[in-house]
Amino acid sequence: MNTLNACVTSMDLSTHLCALRTMVGNDTFELILVENPSLVQGDSVTLVFKETEVILLRPPISISSANVQHATIKSIESGIVLTSVTLTYHETMIVSLITTSAFKRLELSVGDSVIWMVQPSEISLLRSSDGV
């Protein structure tokens, strides 16, 4: 699992959904939660998302999605079916697990700058009350 320490900046609530905006350093991350979290602006939270939810792109790119960030490839572990790509995002390691065929099409190498993204609906919150 990938984790990022974040700070809640704002939220929009409806009957069944919460659009939560957070900051990781100077970068904005948006989440869509199927709950009404008891959070307020300024609360510290941990964002959690699976390696299989990290999408890699080659720059330059223009995309309509939220949560599009820049990183550098630190390491690559290629298998027959899947390739694990470890990214350096600020001082945090983010892992992307993609198909080896998709990785080969991107023609990426260690040290390359990449764009990574994760859909707002694929990020969860990990709170200290969750036993961590």
Protein backbone atom coordinates (compact mmCIF):
# COMPACT_ATOMS: atom_id res chain seq x y z
CA MET A 1 0.00 0.00 0.00
CA ASN A 2 1.06 3.56 -0.71
CA THR A 3 0.60 6.13 2.05
CA LEU A 4 0.88 9.92 2.08
CA ASN A 5 0.53 12.24 5.07
CA ALA A 6 -1.96 14.98 4.23
CA CYS A 7 -3.87 17.90 5.71
CA VAL A 8 -7.60 18.40 5.14
CA THR A 9 -8.27 21.69 3.30
CA SER A 10 -12.00 21.45 2.53
CA MET A 11 -14.91 19.10 1.93
CA ASP A 12 -18.27 19.06 0.19
CA LEU A 13 -20.94 16.78 1.67
CA SER A 14 -24.04 15.31 0.08
CA THR A 15 -26.43 12.70 1.43
CA HIS A 16 -24.19 9.75 0.61
CA LEU A 17 -20.86 11.17 -0.60
CA CYS A 18 -18.05 13.40 0.58
CA ALA A 19 -15.66 15.19 -1.78
CA LEU A 20 -12.59 15.76 0.40
CA ARG A 21 -9.66 17.96 -0.59
CA THR A 22 -6.30 17.55 1.09
CA MET A 23 -2.78 18.90 0.71
CA VAL A 24 0.39 16.82 0.59
CA GLY A 25 3.08 19.47 0.78
CA ASN A 26 2.04 21.94 -1.93
CA ASP A 27 0.07 19.36 -3.95
CA THR A 28 -3.69 18.92 -3.82
CA PHE A 29 -5.23 15.44 -3.59
CA GLU A 30 -8.97 14.93 -3.94
CA LEU A 31 -10.91 11.97 -2.54
CA ILE A 32 -14.47 10.79 -2.98
CA LEU A 33 -15.66 8.96 0.13
CA VAL A 34 -18.87 7.00 0.67
CA GLU A 35 -19.15 8.32 4.20
CA ASN A 36 -19.45 11.52 6.15
CA PRO A 37 -16.08 11.70 7.90
CA SER A 38 -15.88 13.60 11.16
CA LEU A 39 -13.06 15.83 9.93
CA VAL A 40 -12.48 19.56 9.89
CA GLN A 41 -10.14 21.80 7.94
CA GLY A 42 -6.60 21.41 9.25
CA ASP A 43 -6.98 17.79 10.41
CA SER A 44 -4.04 15.51 9.63
CA VAL A 45 -4.92 12.32 7.76
CA THR A 46 -3.09 9.57 5.92
CA LEU A 47 -4.07 8.87 2.32
CA VAL A 48 -3.90 5.19 1.35
CA PHE A 49 -4.06 3.67 -2.14
CA LYS A 50 -3.08 0.40 -3.77
CA GLU A 51 -0.09 0.08 -6.08
CA THR A 52 -2.43 -1.14 -8.83
CA GLU A 53 -4.29 2.20 -8.74
CA VAL A 54 -1.25 4.33 -9.65
CA ILE A 55 -1.30 5.23 -13.35
CA LEU A 56 1.91 6.33 -15.09
CA LEU A 57 2.12 8.79 -17.99
CA ARG A 58 4.94 10.26 -20.05
CA PRO A 59 5.12 14.06 -20.11
CA PRO A 60 3.96 16.32 -21.62
CA ILE A 61 0.29 15.48 -21.06
CA SER A 62 -2.92 17.33 -20.40
CA ILE A 63 -5.61 15.45 -18.49
CA SER A 64 -8.88 16.29 -16.80
CA SER A 65 -8.35 14.10 -13.73
CA ALA A 66 -7.48 15.30 -10.25
CA ASN A 67 -4.43 13.96 -8.40
CA VAL A 68 -1.93 14.29 -11.25
CA GLN A 69 1.61 14.61 -9.84
CA HIS A 70 5.24 14.55 -10.99
CA ALA A 71 7.88 12.08 -9.77
CA THR A 72 11.16 10.43 -10.73
CA ILE A 73 11.62 6.70 -11.30
CA LYS A 74 13.81 5.27 -8.54
CA SER A 75 13.70 1.57 -9.43
CA ILE A 76 12.05 -0.93 -11.76
CA GLU A 77 11.34 -4.62 -11.16
CA SER A 78 10.02 -6.30 -14.31
CA GLY A 79 8.25 -9.63 -14.30
CA ILE A 80 6.60 -11.62 -17.04
CA VAL A 81 3.12 -10.21 -16.34
CA LEU A 82 3.59 -7.24 -14.00
CA THR A 83 6.22 -4.55 -13.50
CA SER A 84 6.71 -2.69 -10.22
CA VAL A 85 7.90 0.89 -10.67
CA THR A 86 9.05 2.76 -7.55
CA LEU A 87 8.75 6.53 -7.80
CA THR A 88 10.29 9.28 -5.70
CA TYR A 89 7.54 11.81 -4.98
CA HIS A 90 9.03 14.56 -2.82
CA GLU A 91 10.62 12.39 -0.10
CA THR A 92 8.05 9.58 -0.28
CA MET A 93 8.25 6.38 -2.31
CA ILE A 94 5.14 5.64 -4.40
CA VAL A 95 4.83 2.23 -6.06
CA SER A 96 2.96 1.63 -9.31
CA LEU A 97 2.16 -1.94 -10.35
CA ILE A 98 1.34 -2.07 -14.07
CA THR A 99 1.35 -4.73 -16.76
CA THR A 100 4.76 -5.39 -18.25
CA SER A 101 3.38 -4.83 -21.75
CA ALA A 102 2.14 -1.34 -20.74
CA PHE A 103 5.50 -0.60 -19.11
CA LYS A 104 7.38 -1.59 -22.28
CA ARG A 105 5.16 0.71 -24.40
CA LEU A 106 6.13 3.66 -22.18
CA GLU A 107 9.87 3.00 -22.70
CA LEU A 108 10.73 4.23 -19.20
CA SER A 109 14.06 3.98 -17.38
CA VAL A 110 15.41 4.66 -13.89
CA GLY A 111 15.88 8.41 -13.45
CA ASP A 112 13.13 9.38 -15.91
CA SER A 113 10.62 12.03 -14.91
CA VAL A 114 7.06 10.74 -15.07
CA ILE A 115 3.57 11.89 -14.30
CA TRP A 116 1.51 9.69 -11.99
CA MET A 117 -2.09 9.86 -10.97
CA VAL A 118 -4.67 8.07 -8.88
CA GLN A 119 -8.44 8.50 -9.19
CA PRO A 120 -10.15 10.27 -6.27
CA SER A 121 -12.46 7.28 -5.73
CA GLU A 122 -9.46 4.97 -5.22
CA ILE A 123 -7.93 6.79 -2.24
CA SER A 124 -8.96 5.86 1.30
CA LEU A 125 -8.32 7.56 4.62
CA LEU A 126 -6.34 5.97 7.43
CA ARG A 127 -7.01 7.74 10.72
CA SER A 128 -5.27 7.29 14.05
CA SER A 129 -8.60 6.02 15.40
CA ASP A 130 -8.27 3.10 12.95
CA GLY A 131 -5.60 1.61 15.22
CA VAL A 132 -2.52 2.82 13.39
